[in-house]
Amino acid sequence: MKLSPNFLIHTQEDDGEYLLIPVADARFSGVVRGNRTFGTILGLLKEETTKEDLIASMKAKFDAPDDVITSDVEKALAELSKIGAIIE
């Protein structure tokens, strides 16, 4: 899976907020806001990856319980999939 080219990632560096903005032919209109965890997931989705690889990368980057990381990744992927932001 990979982030659709119909979406751009924008970082609000002053407050650590990440924005996912639809462009071109995206069927979603609006802006998705997220925190550093969400921003990290978006960054990893710039390249082709799997859910398992995302979870492993997040475990390496963040000091959090495995079940929390897995839940965060699954929730983010579900939301991104729902708006058409992921190419599977």
N, C-alpha and C. Protein backbone atom coordinates (compact mmCIF):
# COMPACT_ATOMS: atom_id res chain seq x y z
N MET A 1 0.84 -1.18 0.00
CA MET A 1 0.00 0.00 0.00
C MET A 1 0.88 1.24 0.00
N LYS A 2 0.27 2.33 -0.43
CA LYS A 2 1.02 3.58 -0.57
C LYS A 2 0.03 4.74 -0.53
N LEU A 3 0.50 5.91 -0.13
CA LEU A 3 -0.35 7.10 -0.13
C LEU A 3 -0.67 7.50 -1.57
N SER A 4 -1.92 7.81 -1.83
CA SER A 4 -2.36 8.22 -3.15
C SER A 4 -1.69 9.53 -3.56
N PRO A 5 -1.33 9.66 -4.83
CA PRO A 5 -0.76 10.93 -5.29
C PRO A 5 -1.78 12.07 -5.29
N ASN A 6 -3.03 11.75 -5.02
CA ASN A 6 -4.08 12.78 -4.95
C ASN A 6 -4.12 13.47 -3.59
N PHE A 7 -3.15 13.18 -2.73
CA PHE A 7 -3.09 13.79 -1.41
C PHE A 7 -1.68 14.31 -1.13
N LEU A 8 -1.61 15.46 -0.49
CA LEU A 8 -0.34 16.04 -0.08
C LEU A 8 -0.27 16.12 1.44
N ILE A 9 0.94 15.95 1.96
CA ILE A 9 1.17 16.07 3.41
C ILE A 9 1.76 17.44 3.67
N HIS A 10 1.19 18.13 4.62
CA HIS A 10 1.72 19.44 5.02
C HIS A 10 1.97 19.41 6.53
N THR A 11 3.13 19.89 6.92
CA THR A 11 3.50 19.91 8.33
C THR A 11 3.42 21.32 8.88
N GLN A 12 2.71 21.46 9.98
CA GLN A 12 2.67 22.72 10.72
C GLN A 12 3.76 22.60 11.79
N GLU A 13 4.98 22.95 11.46
CA GLU A 13 6.11 22.70 12.35
C GLU A 13 6.01 23.42 13.69
N ASP A 14 5.36 24.55 13.72
CA ASP A 14 5.29 25.31 14.97
C ASP A 14 4.46 24.62 16.04
N ASP A 15 3.48 23.79 15.63
CA ASP A 15 2.66 23.11 16.64
C ASP A 15 2.64 21.59 16.49
N GLY A 16 3.46 21.05 15.59
CA GLY A 16 3.56 19.61 15.43
C GLY A 16 2.33 18.96 14.82
N GLU A 17 1.51 19.74 14.15
CA GLU A 17 0.31 19.20 13.52
C GLU A 17 0.61 18.84 12.07
N TYR A 18 0.02 17.75 11.62
CA TYR A 18 0.17 17.30 10.24
C TYR A 18 -1.17 17.39 9.55
N LEU A 19 -1.13 17.84 8.30
CA LEU A 19 -2.35 17.98 7.51
C LEU A 19 -2.24 17.11 6.27
N LEU A 20 -3.31 16.44 5.95
CA LEU A 20 -3.41 15.67 4.71
C LEU A 20 -4.43 16.40 3.85
N ILE A 21 -3.96 16.88 2.69
CA ILE A 21 -4.77 17.76 1.86
C ILE A 21 -5.03 17.09 0.51
N PRO A 22 -6.30 16.95 0.12
CA PRO A 22 -6.61 16.35 -1.18
C PRO A 22 -6.35 17.34 -2.31
N VAL A 23 -5.91 16.81 -3.43
CA VAL A 23 -5.68 17.62 -4.63
C VAL A 23 -6.23 16.86 -5.83
N ALA A 24 -6.21 17.48 -6.95
CA ALA A 24 -6.54 16.86 -8.24
C ALA A 24 -7.85 16.07 -8.18
N ASP A 25 -7.75 14.78 -8.44
CA ASP A 25 -8.93 13.94 -8.58
C ASP A 25 -9.37 13.24 -7.31
N ALA A 26 -8.95 13.70 -6.16
CA ALA A 26 -9.36 13.07 -4.90
C ALA A 26 -10.87 13.15 -4.75
N ARG A 27 -11.47 12.06 -4.33
CA ARG A 27 -12.92 12.06 -4.14
C ARG A 27 -13.31 12.65 -2.78
N PHE A 28 -12.32 12.89 -1.95
CA PHE A 28 -12.53 13.46 -0.62
C PHE A 28 -12.27 14.96 -0.69
N SER A 29 -13.12 15.74 -0.05
CA SER A 29 -12.85 17.17 0.04
C SER A 29 -12.85 17.54 1.51
N GLY A 30 -11.81 18.19 1.92
CA GLY A 30 -11.63 18.55 3.31
C GLY A 30 -10.17 18.40 3.67
N VAL A 31 -9.87 18.59 4.91
CA VAL A 31 -8.49 18.47 5.40
C VAL A 31 -8.51 17.52 6.59
N VAL A 32 -7.55 16.60 6.62
CA VAL A 32 -7.41 15.68 7.74
C VAL A 32 -6.26 16.19 8.59
N ARG A 33 -6.52 16.38 9.87
CA ARG A 33 -5.50 16.87 10.80
C ARG A 33 -5.06 15.72 11.70
N GLY A 34 -3.77 15.71 12.02
CA GLY A 34 -3.26 14.66 12.89
C GLY A 34 -2.03 15.11 13.66
N ASN A 35 -1.64 14.27 14.60
CA ASN A 35 -0.49 14.56 15.45
C ASN A 35 0.79 13.94 14.87
N ARG A 36 1.83 13.91 15.66
CA ARG A 36 3.13 13.40 15.21
C ARG A 36 3.04 11.92 14.82
N THR A 37 2.28 11.14 15.56
CA THR A 37 2.11 9.73 15.23
C THR A 37 1.50 9.59 13.84
N PHE A 38 0.43 10.33 13.59
CA PHE A 38 -0.23 10.30 12.28
C PHE A 38 0.73 10.78 11.19
N GLY A 39 1.48 11.81 11.47
CA GLY A 39 2.45 12.33 10.51
C GLY A 39 3.52 11.31 10.17
N THR A 40 3.95 10.54 11.15
CA THR A 40 4.94 9.51 10.92
C THR A 40 4.37 8.42 10.01
N ILE A 41 3.14 8.03 10.28
CA ILE A 41 2.48 7.02 9.43
C ILE A 41 2.36 7.54 8.00
N LEU A 42 1.95 8.79 7.84
CA LEU A 42 1.85 9.38 6.50
C LEU A 42 3.20 9.37 5.80
N GLY A 43 4.24 9.73 6.52
CA GLY A 43 5.58 9.74 5.94
C GLY A 43 6.01 8.36 5.47
N LEU A 44 5.70 7.35 6.24
CA LEU A 44 6.05 5.98 5.86
C LEU A 44 5.25 5.52 4.64
N LEU A 45 4.05 6.06 4.48
CA LEU A 45 3.21 5.68 3.34
C LEU A 45 3.62 6.36 2.04
N LYS A 46 4.63 7.21 2.07
CA LYS A 46 5.12 7.81 0.82
C LYS A 46 5.74 6.74 -0.08
N GLU A 47 6.24 5.68 0.55
CA GLU A 47 6.82 4.55 -0.18
C GLU A 47 5.92 3.34 -0.02
N GLU A 48 5.99 2.43 -0.96
CA GLU A 48 5.22 1.18 -0.88
C GLU A 48 5.59 0.45 0.42
N THR A 49 4.58 0.00 1.16
CA THR A 49 4.81 -0.65 2.43
C THR A 49 3.64 -1.59 2.76
N THR A 50 3.77 -2.29 3.85
CA THR A 50 2.69 -3.15 4.34
C THR A 50 2.30 -2.71 5.74
N LYS A 51 1.15 -3.18 6.20
CA LYS A 51 0.73 -2.85 7.56
C LYS A 51 1.75 -3.35 8.57
N GLU A 52 2.27 -4.55 8.35
CA GLU A 52 3.26 -5.13 9.26
C GLU A 52 4.53 -4.29 9.31
N ASP A 53 4.98 -3.81 8.15
CA ASP A 53 6.17 -2.95 8.11
C ASP A 53 5.91 -1.61 8.80
N LEU A 54 4.72 -1.06 8.63
CA LEU A 54 4.36 0.18 9.31
C LEU A 54 4.43 0.00 10.82
N ILE A 55 3.85 -1.09 11.30
CA ILE A 55 3.85 -1.36 12.75
C ILE A 55 5.27 -1.53 13.25
N ALA A 56 6.10 -2.27 12.52
CA ALA A 56 7.50 -2.47 12.94
C ALA A 56 8.26 -1.14 12.97
N SER A 57 8.05 -0.29 11.97
CA SER A 57 8.72 1.02 11.94
C SER A 57 8.27 1.90 13.09
N MET A 58 6.98 1.86 13.38
CA MET A 58 6.45 2.67 14.49
C MET A 58 6.99 2.17 15.83
N LYS A 59 7.12 0.86 15.99
CA LYS A 59 7.67 0.30 17.23
C LYS A 59 9.12 0.74 17.41
N ALA A 60 9.87 0.83 16.32
CA ALA A 60 11.26 1.25 16.38
C ALA A 60 11.38 2.74 16.73
N LYS A 61 10.40 3.52 16.32
CA LYS A 61 10.47 4.97 16.52
C LYS A 61 9.86 5.44 17.85
N PHE A 62 8.80 4.79 18.30
CA PHE A 62 8.08 5.25 19.48
C PHE A 62 8.17 4.25 20.63
N ASP A 63 8.28 4.76 21.82
CA ASP A 63 8.30 3.94 23.02
C ASP A 63 6.88 3.86 23.56
N ALA A 64 6.15 2.89 23.05
CA ALA A 64 4.75 2.70 23.45
C ALA A 64 4.45 1.20 23.43
N PRO A 65 3.45 0.77 24.16
CA PRO A 65 3.08 -0.65 24.15
C PRO A 65 2.71 -1.12 22.73
N ASP A 66 3.05 -2.36 22.43
CA ASP A 66 2.79 -2.92 21.10
C ASP A 66 1.32 -2.80 20.71
N ASP A 67 0.41 -3.06 21.64
CA ASP A 67 -1.01 -3.02 21.30
C ASP A 67 -1.48 -1.61 20.97
N VAL A 68 -0.87 -0.62 21.60
CA VAL A 68 -1.23 0.79 21.32
C VAL A 68 -0.75 1.16 19.92
N ILE A 69 0.47 0.78 19.59
CA ILE A 69 1.02 1.08 18.26
C ILE A 69 0.19 0.38 17.18
N THR A 70 -0.09 -0.88 17.38
CA THR A 70 -0.88 -1.63 16.41
C THR A 70 -2.25 -0.99 16.22
N SER A 71 -2.89 -0.61 17.30
CA SER A 71 -4.20 0.04 17.24
C SER A 71 -4.12 1.37 16.50
N ASP A 72 -3.10 2.17 16.79
CA ASP A 72 -2.94 3.47 16.12
C ASP A 72 -2.77 3.30 14.61
N VAL A 73 -1.92 2.35 14.22
CA VAL A 73 -1.69 2.11 12.79
C VAL A 73 -2.97 1.62 12.12
N GLU A 74 -3.65 0.67 12.73
CA GLU A 74 -4.88 0.14 12.14
C GLU A 74 -5.96 1.21 12.02
N LYS A 75 -6.07 2.05 13.03
CA LYS A 75 -7.07 3.13 12.98
C LYS A 75 -6.73 4.13 11.87
N ALA A 76 -5.46 4.52 11.78
CA ALA A 76 -5.05 5.47 10.74
C ALA A 76 -5.29 4.88 9.35
N LEU A 77 -4.93 3.62 9.16
CA LEU A 77 -5.12 2.99 7.85
C LEU A 77 -6.60 2.90 7.49
N ALA A 78 -7.43 2.59 8.46
CA ALA A 78 -8.87 2.51 8.21
C ALA A 78 -9.42 3.86 7.77
N GLU A 79 -9.02 4.92 8.46
CA GLU A 79 -9.50 6.26 8.11
C GLU A 79 -8.97 6.71 6.75
N LEU A 80 -7.70 6.43 6.48
CA LEU A 80 -7.11 6.81 5.20
C LEU A 80 -7.76 6.03 4.06
N SER A 81 -8.03 4.79 4.28
CA SER A 81 -8.69 3.96 3.28
C SER A 81 -10.11 4.47 2.99
N LYS A 82 -10.80 4.86 4.05
CA LYS A 82 -12.17 5.35 3.92
C LYS A 82 -12.27 6.58 3.03
N ILE A 83 -11.25 7.43 3.06
CA ILE A 83 -11.30 8.66 2.24
C ILE A 83 -10.58 8.49 0.91
N GLY A 84 -10.09 7.29 0.64
CA GLY A 84 -9.44 7.04 -0.65
C GLY A 84 -8.01 7.54 -0.73
N ALA A 85 -7.35 7.67 0.42
CA ALA A 85 -5.99 8.21 0.44
C ALA A 85 -4.91 7.14 0.29
N ILE A 86 -5.32 5.87 0.25
CA ILE A 86 -4.35 4.78 0.14
C ILE A 86 -4.59 4.00 -1.14
N ILE A 87 -3.51 3.70 -1.82
CA ILE A 87 -3.54 2.82 -2.98
C ILE A 87 -3.09 1.45 -2.48
N GLU A 88 -3.94 0.46 -2.63
CA GLU A 88 -3.58 -0.88 -2.13
C GLU A 88 -3.20 -1.81 -3.26
